[in-house]
Protein backbone atom coordinates (compact mmCIF):
# COMPACT_ATOMS: atom_id res chain seq x y z
CA MET A 1 0.00 0.00 0.00
CA MET A 2 2.88 2.35 0.80
CA MET A 3 4.34 1.97 -2.71
CA PHE A 4 0.90 2.69 -4.20
CA LEU A 5 0.64 5.92 -2.20
CA ILE A 6 4.16 6.98 -3.16
CA GLY A 7 3.33 6.32 -6.82
CA PHE A 8 0.00 8.11 -6.54
CA PHE A 9 1.43 11.32 -5.07
CA SER A 10 4.43 11.19 -7.39
CA GLY A 11 2.04 10.95 -10.33
CA ILE A 12 0.10 14.00 -9.15
CA LEU A 13 3.28 16.07 -8.82
CA GLY A 14 4.61 14.77 -12.14
CA GLY A 15 1.34 15.62 -13.87
CA MET A 16 1.54 19.14 -12.50
CA GLY A 17 5.05 19.51 -13.91
CA ILE A 18 6.62 19.82 -10.48
CA GLY A 19 8.50 16.55 -10.63
CA GLY A 20 7.28 13.34 -9.11
CA GLY A 21 10.85 12.27 -8.38
CA THR A 22 10.88 14.60 -5.39
CA ILE A 23 8.51 12.12 -3.71
CA LEU A 24 9.32 8.90 -5.57
CA ILE A 25 13.08 8.78 -5.08
CA PRO A 26 13.16 9.50 -1.33
CA GLY A 27 10.19 7.15 -0.88
CA LEU A 28 11.95 4.30 -2.66
CA VAL A 29 15.22 4.89 -0.81
CA LEU A 30 13.84 5.49 2.68
CA LEU A 31 10.74 3.29 2.70
CA ALA A 32 11.52 0.52 0.20
CA GLY A 33 15.23 0.24 1.01
CA LEU A 34 16.41 0.62 -2.58
CA SER A 35 19.77 2.13 -3.46
CA GLN A 36 19.90 5.68 -4.77
CA HIS A 37 20.91 4.35 -8.20
CA GLN A 38 17.96 1.92 -8.30
CA ALA A 39 15.51 4.61 -7.18
CA GLN A 40 16.72 7.03 -9.84
CA GLY A 41 16.43 4.33 -12.51
CA ILE A 42 12.88 3.49 -11.45
CA ASN A 43 12.08 7.21 -11.45
CA LEU A 44 13.18 7.43 -15.08
CA LEU A 45 10.87 4.56 -16.07
CA PHE A 46 8.04 6.00 -13.95
CA PHE A 47 8.47 9.32 -15.73
CA LEU A 48 7.65 7.97 -19.20
CA PRO A 49 3.93 7.15 -18.75
CA VAL A 50 3.37 10.07 -16.38
CA ALA A 51 4.95 12.52 -18.82
CA THR A 52 2.98 11.05 -21.71
CA ALA A 53 -0.33 11.47 -19.88
CA SER A 54 0.61 15.01 -18.83
CA LEU A 55 1.74 15.92 -22.33
CA ILE A 56 -1.59 14.82 -23.84
CA ILE A 57 -3.50 17.07 -21.43
CA HIS A 58 -1.13 20.02 -21.96
CA ILE A 59 -1.32 19.71 -25.76
CA LYS A 60 -5.13 19.49 -25.55
CA ASN A 61 -5.18 22.69 -23.48
CA LYS A 62 -2.73 24.42 -25.89
CA LEU A 63 -0.13 24.98 -23.16
CA ILE A 64 2.92 23.91 -25.20
CA ASP A 65 5.17 26.49 -26.87
CA TYR A 66 6.74 24.33 -29.58
CA ARG A 67 9.51 26.82 -30.42
CA ILE A 68 10.82 26.73 -26.87
CA MET A 69 10.27 22.98 -26.64
CA ILE A 70 12.60 22.33 -29.60
CA PHE A 71 15.51 24.12 -27.90
CA ALA A 72 14.83 22.43 -24.57
CA VAL A 73 14.80 18.97 -26.20
CA LEU A 74 17.95 19.68 -28.22
CA ALA A 75 19.79 20.65 -25.04
CA GLY A 76 18.10 18.18 -22.71
CA VAL A 77 18.68 14.92 -24.56
CA PRO A 78 22.49 15.13 -24.69
CA ALA A 79 22.54 16.47 -21.13
CA ALA A 80 20.44 13.49 -20.00
CA PHE A 81 22.99 11.07 -21.46
CA GLY A 82 25.79 12.94 -19.70
CA GLY A 83 23.90 13.09 -16.42
CA ALA A 84 23.03 9.39 -16.55
CA TYR A 85 26.67 8.53 -17.15
CA LEU A 86 27.82 10.76 -14.28
CA ALA A 87 25.22 9.22 -11.95
CA SER A 88 26.35 5.71 -12.89
CA ILE A 89 29.97 6.41 -11.95
CA THR A 90 29.23 8.43 -8.80
CA GLN A 91 29.40 6.67 -5.44
CA GLU A 92 26.00 6.17 -3.87
CA GLY A 93 26.69 8.25 -0.77
CA LEU A 94 27.79 11.24 -2.84
CA LEU A 95 24.88 10.81 -5.25
CA ARG A 96 22.46 10.80 -2.33
CA LYS A 97 24.01 14.00 -0.95
CA ILE A 98 23.86 15.71 -4.34
CA PHE A 99 20.20 14.76 -4.73
CA GLY A 100 19.40 15.90 -1.19
CA GLY A 101 21.20 19.20 -1.79
CA PHE A 102 19.24 19.69 -4.98
CA LEU A 103 15.96 19.13 -3.13
CA ILE A 104 16.96 21.64 -0.44
CA VAL A 105 17.97 24.29 -2.97
CA ALA A 106 14.81 23.74 -5.03
CA GLY A 107 12.67 23.90 -1.90
CA LEU A 108 14.31 27.11 -0.70
CA TYR A 109 13.93 28.66 -4.12
CA GLU A 110 10.23 27.86 -4.18
CA TRP A 111 9.81 29.07 -0.61
CA PHE A 112 11.42 32.47 -1.19
CA LYS A 113 10.59 33.31 -4.80
CA LYS A 114 8.13 36.13 -5.35
């Protein structure tokens, strides 16, 4: 039941464009006992159907700026390969600290932005 709830709330955040991994990855690491690398891999697979469902709704509501999307995809795909490679060669403890630091910085940014 716990994994269902983690998936459910991750899907809601992912559908909103916030990023379900902020719930999914810590949930898998802390509650399911998976390694950081395993949790991040599952997050990537989880992202595909969630992003597809979200994209359909956003296209239907005409919320996609295709000119901006092209540049984001052209930069994001090579960066994703590089990031995946870096994650695969990074020790788990360091990877966990980097991810935790990212969550703190993102949270503080959201807390204090106007």
